[in-house]
C-alpha atoms as a PDB file:
ATOM      1  CA  SER A   1      22.874  13.343 -61.112  1.00  0.00           C
ATOM      2  CA  SER A   2      26.613  13.077 -61.394  1.00  0.00           C
ATOM      3  CA  THR A   3      27.932  13.132 -57.807  1.00  0.00           C
ATOM      4  CA  ILE A   4      26.972  11.454 -54.549  1.00  0.00           C
ATOM      5  CA  THR A   5      26.299  14.878 -52.968  1.00  0.00           C
ATOM      6  CA  THR A   6      23.811  16.029 -55.639  1.00  0.00           C
ATOM      7  CA  ILE A   7      20.239  16.679 -54.478  1.00  0.00           C
ATOM      8  CA  THR A   8      17.498  15.852 -57.005  1.00  0.00           C
ATOM      9  CA  TYR A   9      14.010  17.062 -55.999  1.00  0.00           C
ATOM     10  CA  VAL A  10      10.947  16.053 -58.035  1.00  0.00           C
ATOM     11  CA  GLU A  11       7.585  17.675 -57.326  1.00  0.00           C
ATOM     12  CA  GLY A  12       5.060  15.022 -58.368  1.00  0.00           C
ATOM     13  CA  ASP A  13       5.499  11.681 -60.121  1.00  0.00           C
ATOM     14  CA  VAL A  14       8.638  10.427 -61.853  1.00  0.00           C
ATOM     15  CA  SER A  15       9.573   7.275 -63.761  1.00  0.00           C
ATOM     16  CA  LEU A  16      13.217   6.291 -64.284  1.00  0.00           C
ATOM     17  CA  GLY A  17      14.595   3.652 -66.619  1.00  0.00           C
ATOM     18  CA  PRO A  18      15.494   1.538 -68.417  1.00  0.00           C
ATOM     19  CA  GLY A  19      19.189   2.264 -68.085  1.00  0.00           C
ATOM     20  CA  ASP A  20      18.840   5.491 -66.061  1.00  0.00           C
ATOM     21  CA  SER A  21      21.199   5.922 -63.133  1.00  0.00           C
ATOM     22  CA  GLY A  22      22.032   8.571 -60.583  1.00  0.00           C
ATOM     23  CA  LYS A  23      23.725   9.416 -57.313  1.00  0.00           C
ATOM     24  CA  GLY A  24      22.973  11.497 -54.249  1.00  0.00           C
ATOM     25  CA  LEU A  25      19.654  12.301 -52.624  1.00  0.00           C
ATOM     26  CA  LEU A  26      16.524  11.691 -54.698  1.00  0.00           C
ATOM     27  CA  TRP A  27      13.431  13.288 -53.107  1.00  0.00           C
ATOM     28  CA  VAL A  28      10.048  12.662 -54.779  1.00  0.00           C
ATOM     29  CA  THR A  29       6.690  14.038 -53.579  1.00  0.00           C
ATOM     30  CA  GLY A  30       4.524  11.819 -55.806  1.00  0.00           C
ATOM     31  CA  SER A  31       5.111   8.285 -56.990  1.00  0.00           C
ATOM     32  CA  LEU A  32       8.518   6.923 -58.016  1.00  0.00           C
ATOM     33  CA  THR A  33       8.776   4.123 -60.560  1.00  0.00           C
ATOM     34  CA  LEU A  34      12.100   2.418 -61.347  1.00  0.00           C
ATOM     35  CA  ARG A  35      11.951   0.409 -64.594  1.00  0.00           C
ATOM     36  CA  GLY A  36      14.441  -2.036 -66.056  1.00  0.00           C
ATOM     37  CA  ASN A  37      18.166  -1.474 -65.478  1.00  0.00           C
ATOM     38  CA  THR A  38      17.731   1.584 -63.243  1.00  0.00           C
ATOM     39  CA  SER A  39      20.492   2.197 -60.667  1.00  0.00           C
ATOM     40  CA  TRP A  40      20.810   4.687 -57.801  1.00  0.00           C
ATOM     41  CA  GLU A  41      23.547   5.306 -55.224  1.00  0.00           C
ATOM     42  CA  GLY A  42      22.530   7.321 -52.168  1.00  0.00           C
ATOM     43  CA  ALA A  43      19.264   8.021 -50.399  1.00  0.00           C
ATOM     44  CA  ILE A  44      15.798   7.826 -51.958  1.00  0.00           C
ATOM     45  CA  ILE A  45      12.961   9.606 -50.153  1.00  0.00           C
ATOM     46  CA  VAL A  46       9.416   9.246 -51.484  1.00  0.00           C
ATOM     47  CA  VAL A  47       7.290  11.365 -49.150  1.00  0.00           C
ATOM     48  CA  GLY A  48       4.026  12.887 -50.271  1.00  0.00           C
ATOM     49  CA  THR A  49       1.647  10.344 -51.745  1.00  0.00           C
ATOM     50  CA  GLY A  50       4.142   7.641 -50.746  1.00  0.00           C
ATOM     51  CA  VAL A  51       4.244   5.279 -53.744  1.00  0.00           C
ATOM     52  CA  PHE A  52       7.436   3.389 -54.695  1.00  0.00           C
ATOM     53  CA  GLU A  53       7.398   0.797 -57.482  1.00  0.00           C
ATOM     54  CA  ARG A  54      10.110  -1.180 -59.244  1.00  0.00           C
ATOM     55  CA  ASN A  55       8.894  -3.028 -62.316  1.00  0.00           C
ATOM     56  CA  GLY A  56      10.212  -4.591 -65.490  1.00  0.00           C
ATOM     57  CA  GLY A  57      13.257  -6.773 -65.901  1.00  0.00           C
ATOM     58  CA  GLY A  58      16.832  -5.644 -65.508  1.00  0.00           C
ATOM     59  CA  ASN A  59      19.962  -5.827 -63.448  1.00  0.00           C
ATOM     60  CA  GLY A  60      20.199  -2.411 -61.777  1.00  0.00           C
ATOM     61  CA  ASP A  61      21.328  -1.705 -58.219  1.00  0.00           C
ATOM     62  CA  THR A  62      20.099   0.554 -55.443  1.00  0.00           C
ATOM     63  CA  TRP A  63      22.843   1.304 -52.909  1.00  0.00           C
ATOM     64  CA  GLY A  64      21.878   3.385 -49.881  1.00  0.00           C
ATOM     65  CA  GLY A  65      18.418   3.513 -48.375  1.00  0.00           C
ATOM     66  CA  ILE A  66      14.781   4.067 -49.270  1.00  0.00           C
ATOM     67  CA  VAL A  67      12.179   5.887 -47.160  1.00  0.00           C
ATOM     68  CA  VAL A  68       8.534   5.869 -48.285  1.00  0.00           C
ATOM     69  CA  GLY A  69       5.841   7.830 -46.449  1.00  0.00           C
ATOM     70  CA  ASN A  70       2.283   8.841 -47.288  1.00  0.00           C
ATOM     71  CA  ILE A  71       1.454  12.196 -45.685  1.00  0.00           C
ATOM     72  CA  ALA A  72      -1.052  13.306 -48.346  1.00  0.00           C
ATOM     73  CA  GLY A  73      -3.977  13.451 -45.903  1.00  0.00           C
ATOM     74  CA  ALA A  74      -7.535  12.214 -46.238  1.00  0.00           C
ATOM     75  CA  ASP A  75      -8.022  13.537 -49.777  1.00  0.00           C
ATOM     76  CA  GLY A  76      -4.879  11.777 -51.086  1.00  0.00           C
ATOM     77  CA  ILE A  77      -3.505  14.999 -52.600  1.00  0.00           C
ATOM     78  CA  TYR A  78      -0.098  16.122 -51.361  1.00  0.00           C
ATOM     79  CA  GLY A  79       0.542  19.830 -50.910  1.00  0.00           C
ATOM     80  CA  ASN A  80      -2.723  21.130 -49.484  1.00  0.00           C
ATOM     81  CA  SER A  81      -4.077  21.924 -46.031  1.00  0.00           C
ATOM     82  CA  ASP A  82      -4.921  18.367 -44.903  1.00  0.00           C
ATOM     83  CA  ASP A  83      -1.361  16.975 -45.269  1.00  0.00           C
ATOM     84  CA  CYS A  84      -0.099  15.083 -42.202  1.00  0.00           C
ATOM     85  CA  THR A  85      -3.639  14.718 -40.785  1.00  0.00           C
ATOM     86  CA  GLY A  86      -4.483  11.094 -41.571  1.00  0.00           C
ATOM     87  CA  GLY A  87      -3.735   7.766 -39.951  1.00  0.00           C
ATOM     88  CA  THR A  88      -1.306   7.291 -37.091  1.00  0.00           C
ATOM     89  CA  GLY A  89       0.901  10.318 -36.423  1.00  0.00           C
ATOM     90  CA  GLY A  90      -0.201  11.889 -39.710  1.00  0.00           C
ATOM     91  CA  PHE A  91       0.876   8.934 -41.876  1.00  0.00           C
ATOM     92  CA  LEU A  92      -1.439   6.894 -44.087  1.00  0.00           C
ATOM     93  CA  PRO A  93      -0.428   3.524 -45.607  1.00  0.00           C
ATOM     94  CA  ALA A  94       2.362   3.841 -48.175  1.00  0.00           C
ATOM     95  CA  SER A  95       2.976   1.549 -51.149  1.00  0.00           C
ATOM     96  CA  PHE A  96       6.332  -0.232 -51.623  1.00  0.00           C
ATOM     97  CA  ASP A  97       6.295  -2.702 -54.523  1.00  0.00           C
ATOM     98  CA  THR A  98       9.460  -4.352 -55.863  1.00  0.00           C
ATOM     99  CA  SER A  99       7.813  -7.108 -57.887  1.00  0.00           C
ATOM    100  CA  GLY A 100       9.801  -6.362 -61.045  1.00  0.00           C
ATOM    101  CA  GLY A 101      11.811  -9.168 -62.604  1.00  0.00           C
ATOM    102  CA  GLY A 102      15.536  -9.409 -63.188  1.00  0.00           C
ATOM    103  CA  ASN A 103      18.408  -9.334 -60.731  1.00  0.00           C
ATOM    104  CA  HIS A 104      18.004  -5.856 -59.245  1.00  0.00           C
ATOM    105  CA  ASP A 105      19.698  -5.570 -55.839  1.00  0.00           C
ATOM    106  CA  THR A 106      18.538  -3.148 -53.159  1.00  0.00           C
ATOM    107  CA  VAL A 107      21.368  -2.889 -50.627  1.00  0.00           C
ATOM    108  CA  TYR A 108      21.312  -0.804 -47.452  1.00  0.00           C
ATOM    109  CA  CYS A 109      24.567   1.188 -47.333  1.00  0.00           C
ATOM    110  CA  SER A 110      24.995   3.757 -44.561  1.00  0.00           C
ATOM    111  CA  ASP A 111      28.133   5.145 -46.231  1.00  0.00           C
ATOM    112  CA  ALA A 112      26.194   6.016 -49.420  1.00  0.00           C
ATOM    113  CA  ILE A 113      23.417   7.609 -47.308  1.00  0.00           C
ATOM    114  CA  ASN A 114      25.878   9.694 -45.282  1.00  0.00           C
ATOM    115  CA  GLN A 115      27.663  10.879 -48.409  1.00  0.00           C
ATOM    116  CA  ALA A 116      24.342  11.847 -50.026  1.00  0.00           C
ATOM    117  CA  MET A 117      23.355  13.878 -46.955  1.00  0.00           C
ATOM    118  CA  ASN A 118      26.557  15.919 -47.328  1.00  0.00           C
ATOM    119  CA  GLY A 119      24.832  17.650 -50.252  1.00  0.00           C
ATOM    120  CA  PHE A 120      22.508  19.520 -47.941  1.00  0.00           C
ATOM    121  CA  PRO A 121      23.499  23.184 -47.752  1.00  0.00           C
ATOM    122  CA  PHE A 122      21.280  23.536 -44.695  1.00  0.00           C
ATOM    123  CA  LYS A 123      20.407  21.713 -41.512  1.00  0.00           C
ATOM    124  CA  ILE A 124      16.915  20.205 -41.267  1.00  0.00           C
ATOM    125  CA  VAL A 125      15.317  21.478 -38.069  1.00  0.00           C
ATOM    126  CA  ASP A 126      11.664  20.530 -38.594  1.00  0.00           C
ATOM    127  CA  PHE A 127       9.741  18.613 -41.218  1.00  0.00           C
ATOM    128  CA  ARG A 128       6.371  20.388 -41.224  1.00  0.00           C
ATOM    129  CA  GLN A 129       4.446  22.381 -38.667  1.00  0.00           C
ATOM    130  CA  ARG A 130       0.671  22.250 -38.424  1.00  0.00           C
END
């Protein structure tokens, strides 16, 4: 994406890198893998199967915030009738792995998050009703 207010939505799994970069809100419903010199400015939300992985070497940066949640239900498949039914409050264990090499920095930045949220053309009222 080219601006901090861009919303990028990915249904399923996505792998970025090496050298990929973007700005704004990145919302992924499967697994997100950042490889090598990947950089992102804004908010990253990985909700669905809840798998975030950074691997490979590189010197990228993540400025903003990362939220990872597994709401895929007992069958582990996001998008069907048992979503939000497992674990505590509908959440099952998520995976957050940043074992990649290099000098990648992940920096919490509320300003980048707030700017990314300005891309929403609507107000979020509810996440999902059962």
